[in-house]
Every structure is written in structure tokens, then in C-alpha cells.
Amino acid sequence: MYTASFFSTKLGRAALASILAMAAMNCLALTQQLQAAPHVFASSAAITGELA
């Protein structure tokens, strides 16, 4: 696990910045997916049961 002394180094600060950037990108992607309307497509084969 990381310690406080690791985050005081230049590498530790870069790792922390990377972790925060990935978390922000995940939050952005999640909010965009939640705002999008679900798309449901039904083909004629699915309706008639001809899924061969």
C-alpha cells in the first residue's frame, strides 16, 4: 500500500494526479451514460421468433 512518504515524492504526486484523472474520467463517462436515453431496437425476426 502507499504511504504518506510516497505521496511526498515527485513520482507519488504524479501517481496521485493520474488516479484523480482516471476517477474524473470514469465519473464523466458514467454521467453521460446515465443521461442518454436507452435505445431499444426490435427486429422483425425478434418479434416473430425467427432467431435462427
Protein backbone atom coordinates (compact mmCIF):
# COMPACT_ATOMS: atom_id res chain seq x y z
CA MET A 1 0.00 0.00 0.00
CA TYR A 2 1.08 3.58 -0.43
CA THR A 3 2.40 5.62 2.46
CA ALA A 4 2.40 9.35 3.12
CA SER A 5 6.11 9.50 2.34
CA PHE A 6 5.46 8.06 -1.13
CA PHE A 7 2.99 10.83 -1.99
CA SER A 8 5.52 13.46 -0.94
CA THR A 9 7.83 12.37 -3.78
CA LYS A 10 7.56 13.57 -7.36
CA LEU A 11 6.52 10.08 -8.50
CA GLY A 12 3.89 9.87 -5.78
CA ARG A 13 2.36 13.20 -6.79
CA ALA A 14 2.27 12.06 -10.42
CA ALA A 15 0.59 8.80 -9.38
CA LEU A 16 -1.98 10.70 -7.34
CA ALA A 17 -2.70 13.04 -10.27
CA SER A 18 -3.14 10.01 -12.54
CA ILE A 19 -5.54 8.35 -10.10
CA LEU A 20 -7.61 11.54 -9.81
CA ALA A 21 -7.71 11.96 -13.60
CA MET A 22 -8.91 8.38 -14.09
CA ALA A 23 -11.60 8.82 -11.43
CA ALA A 24 -12.78 12.05 -13.07
CA MET A 25 -12.93 10.37 -16.48
CA ASN A 26 -14.97 7.49 -15.03
CA CYS A 27 -17.41 9.93 -13.44
CA LEU A 28 -17.77 11.81 -16.73
CA ALA A 29 -18.40 8.61 -18.68
CA LEU A 30 -20.92 7.39 -16.12
CA THR A 31 -22.90 10.63 -16.12
CA GLN A 32 -23.00 10.65 -19.92
CA GLN A 33 -24.33 7.09 -19.96
CA LEU A 34 -26.98 7.88 -17.35
CA GLN A 35 -28.17 10.96 -19.26
CA ALA A 36 -28.50 9.12 -22.57
CA ALA A 37 -31.91 7.68 -23.36
CA PRO A 38 -31.92 3.90 -23.65
CA HIS A 39 -32.27 2.71 -27.22
CA VAL A 40 -34.36 -0.40 -27.77
CA PHE A 41 -34.39 -1.86 -31.24
CA ALA A 42 -36.66 -4.73 -32.19
CA SER A 43 -36.19 -6.50 -35.49
CA SER A 44 -38.93 -8.37 -37.28
CA ALA A 45 -37.09 -11.65 -36.60
CA ALA A 46 -37.15 -10.96 -32.86
CA ILE A 47 -40.84 -10.12 -32.91
CA THR A 48 -41.86 -13.22 -34.87
CA GLY A 49 -39.46 -15.53 -33.07
CA GLU A 50 -37.39 -16.40 -36.14
CA LEU A 51 -34.00 -16.20 -34.47
CA ALA A 52 -32.20 -18.95 -36.35
